[in-house]
Amino acid sequence: MTSHSATVEFRTLLQKERDQLLSQLAELGFGQDGGLSYDTNFADSSQVNAERGEAEALAAPLREALSEVDEALERVDEGTYGSCLRCSSPIGSDRLEAMPATRYCIACASRT
């Protein structure tokens, strides 16, 4: 578990990371609803399909990271942020600073 002031700082880091991920998804053409927006009047449907596939491939890791950040923010709200989900040990502050959305302490992460 982290101190209150540290938790506030990590919430800020997580929110910034969340905003950046949402911005990157928006740049790829994903709107607030998560769907791609393309011009339906575009003449070359094969081009649209190719671009859509590329955008989906680029978006997959961004969506996964966004999910991890959202889960970390939920743990902040629940008061469990900073504790390993596997062994319940505190996650080191250096690890949390490097990877604010991490779920596991370094020992448990190295086992996976």
Protein backbone atom coordinates (compact mmCIF):
# COMPACT_ATOMS: atom_id res chain seq x y z
CA MET A 1 0.00 0.00 0.00
CA THR A 2 1.22 3.51 -0.72
CA SER A 3 0.86 6.68 1.34
CA HIS A 4 -1.99 9.07 0.61
CA SER A 5 0.27 11.71 -0.99
CA ALA A 6 2.01 9.06 -3.12
CA THR A 7 -1.36 7.67 -4.17
CA VAL A 8 -2.46 11.13 -5.30
CA GLU A 9 0.73 11.43 -7.36
CA PHE A 10 0.23 7.99 -8.90
CA ARG A 11 -3.41 8.81 -9.69
CA THR A 12 -2.15 11.88 -11.55
CA LEU A 13 0.40 9.77 -13.46
CA LEU A 14 -2.25 7.19 -14.32
CA GLN A 15 -4.71 9.85 -15.47
CA LYS A 16 -2.04 11.44 -17.71
CA GLU A 17 -1.23 8.03 -19.16
CA ARG A 18 -4.95 7.39 -19.72
CA ASP A 19 -5.34 10.73 -21.51
CA GLN A 20 -2.33 9.98 -23.73
CA LEU A 21 -3.70 6.54 -24.66
CA LEU A 22 -7.11 8.01 -25.49
CA SER A 23 -5.40 10.67 -27.61
CA GLN A 24 -3.39 8.02 -29.49
CA LEU A 25 -6.55 6.01 -30.12
CA ALA A 26 -8.28 9.16 -31.39
CA GLU A 27 -5.37 9.81 -33.76
CA LEU A 28 -5.92 6.33 -35.19
CA GLY A 29 -9.55 7.23 -35.84
CA PHE A 30 -11.17 5.60 -32.83
CA GLY A 31 -13.90 7.78 -31.37
CA GLN A 32 -15.31 7.90 -27.88
CA ASP A 33 -17.46 4.86 -28.66
CA GLY A 34 -14.34 2.84 -29.55
CA GLY A 35 -15.30 2.45 -33.20
CA LEU A 36 -13.38 3.54 -36.26
CA SER A 37 -14.74 6.39 -38.32
CA TYR A 38 -14.14 6.35 -42.07
CA ASP A 39 -15.74 8.25 -44.92
CA THR A 40 -18.46 5.94 -46.21
CA ASN A 41 -18.30 7.68 -49.60
CA PHE A 42 -14.68 6.72 -50.13
CA ALA A 43 -14.48 4.95 -53.52
CA ASP A 44 -11.78 2.38 -52.75
CA SER A 45 -13.25 -0.04 -50.21
CA SER A 46 -10.17 -2.28 -50.31
CA GLN A 47 -8.07 0.72 -49.25
CA VAL A 48 -10.49 1.39 -46.38
CA ASN A 49 -10.33 -2.27 -45.31
CA ALA A 50 -6.53 -2.26 -45.39
CA GLU A 51 -6.36 0.93 -43.34
CA ARG A 52 -8.95 -0.40 -40.93
CA GLY A 53 -6.92 -3.59 -40.38
CA GLU A 54 -3.77 -1.57 -39.80
CA ALA A 55 -5.53 0.74 -37.36
CA GLU A 56 -7.00 -2.24 -35.47
CA ALA A 57 -3.53 -3.80 -35.18
CA LEU A 58 -2.06 -0.56 -33.85
CA ALA A 59 -4.97 -0.02 -31.48
CA ALA A 60 -4.90 -3.46 -29.82
CA PRO A 61 -1.90 -2.78 -27.53
CA LEU A 62 -3.21 0.72 -26.80
CA ARG A 63 -6.57 -0.69 -25.73
CA GLU A 64 -4.83 -3.27 -23.54
CA ALA A 65 -2.73 -0.57 -21.89
CA LEU A 66 -5.84 1.57 -21.40
CA SER A 67 -7.58 -1.35 -19.70
CA GLU A 68 -4.60 -1.82 -17.36
CA VAL A 69 -4.61 1.89 -16.50
CA ASP A 70 -8.36 1.84 -15.85
CA GLU A 71 -7.92 -1.18 -13.56
CA ALA A 72 -5.12 0.62 -11.70
CA LEU A 73 -7.35 3.65 -11.23
CA GLU A 74 -10.03 1.34 -9.81
CA ARG A 75 -7.46 -0.04 -7.35
CA VAL A 76 -6.64 3.54 -6.32
CA ASP A 77 -10.34 4.14 -5.65
CA GLU A 78 -10.61 0.86 -3.70
CA GLY A 79 -7.53 1.64 -1.63
CA THR A 80 -5.62 -1.43 -2.87
CA TYR A 81 -3.28 0.35 -5.27
CA GLY A 82 0.37 -0.45 -4.64
CA SER A 83 -0.26 -4.01 -3.43
CA CYS A 84 0.64 -7.01 -5.57
CA LEU A 85 -2.44 -8.81 -6.87
CA ARG A 86 -0.71 -12.18 -6.53
CA CYS A 87 1.03 -12.09 -3.14
CA SER A 88 -0.43 -8.88 -1.60
CA SER A 89 3.07 -7.55 -0.85
CA PRO A 90 3.72 -3.85 -1.39
CA ILE A 91 4.96 -2.96 -4.86
CA GLY A 92 8.11 -0.87 -4.68
CA SER A 93 7.72 2.83 -5.42
CA ASP A 94 10.48 2.66 -8.07
CA ARG A 95 8.48 0.00 -9.92
CA LEU A 96 5.26 2.02 -9.58
CA GLU A 97 7.00 5.12 -10.91
CA ALA A 98 8.32 3.19 -13.92
CA MET A 99 5.08 1.28 -14.50
CA PRO A 100 2.19 3.00 -12.70
CA ALA A 101 -0.39 0.45 -13.94
CA THR A 102 1.60 -2.59 -12.82
CA ARG A 103 -0.35 -5.29 -11.03
CA TYR A 104 2.53 -7.28 -9.56
CA CYS A 105 5.60 -6.81 -7.42
CA ILE A 106 8.92 -7.50 -9.14
CA ALA A 107 9.20 -11.01 -7.66
CA CYS A 108 5.76 -12.08 -8.88
CA ALA A 109 6.20 -10.36 -12.26
CA SER A 110 9.41 -12.30 -12.86
CA ARG A 111 7.54 -15.58 -12.33
CA THR A 112 5.07 -15.01 -15.15
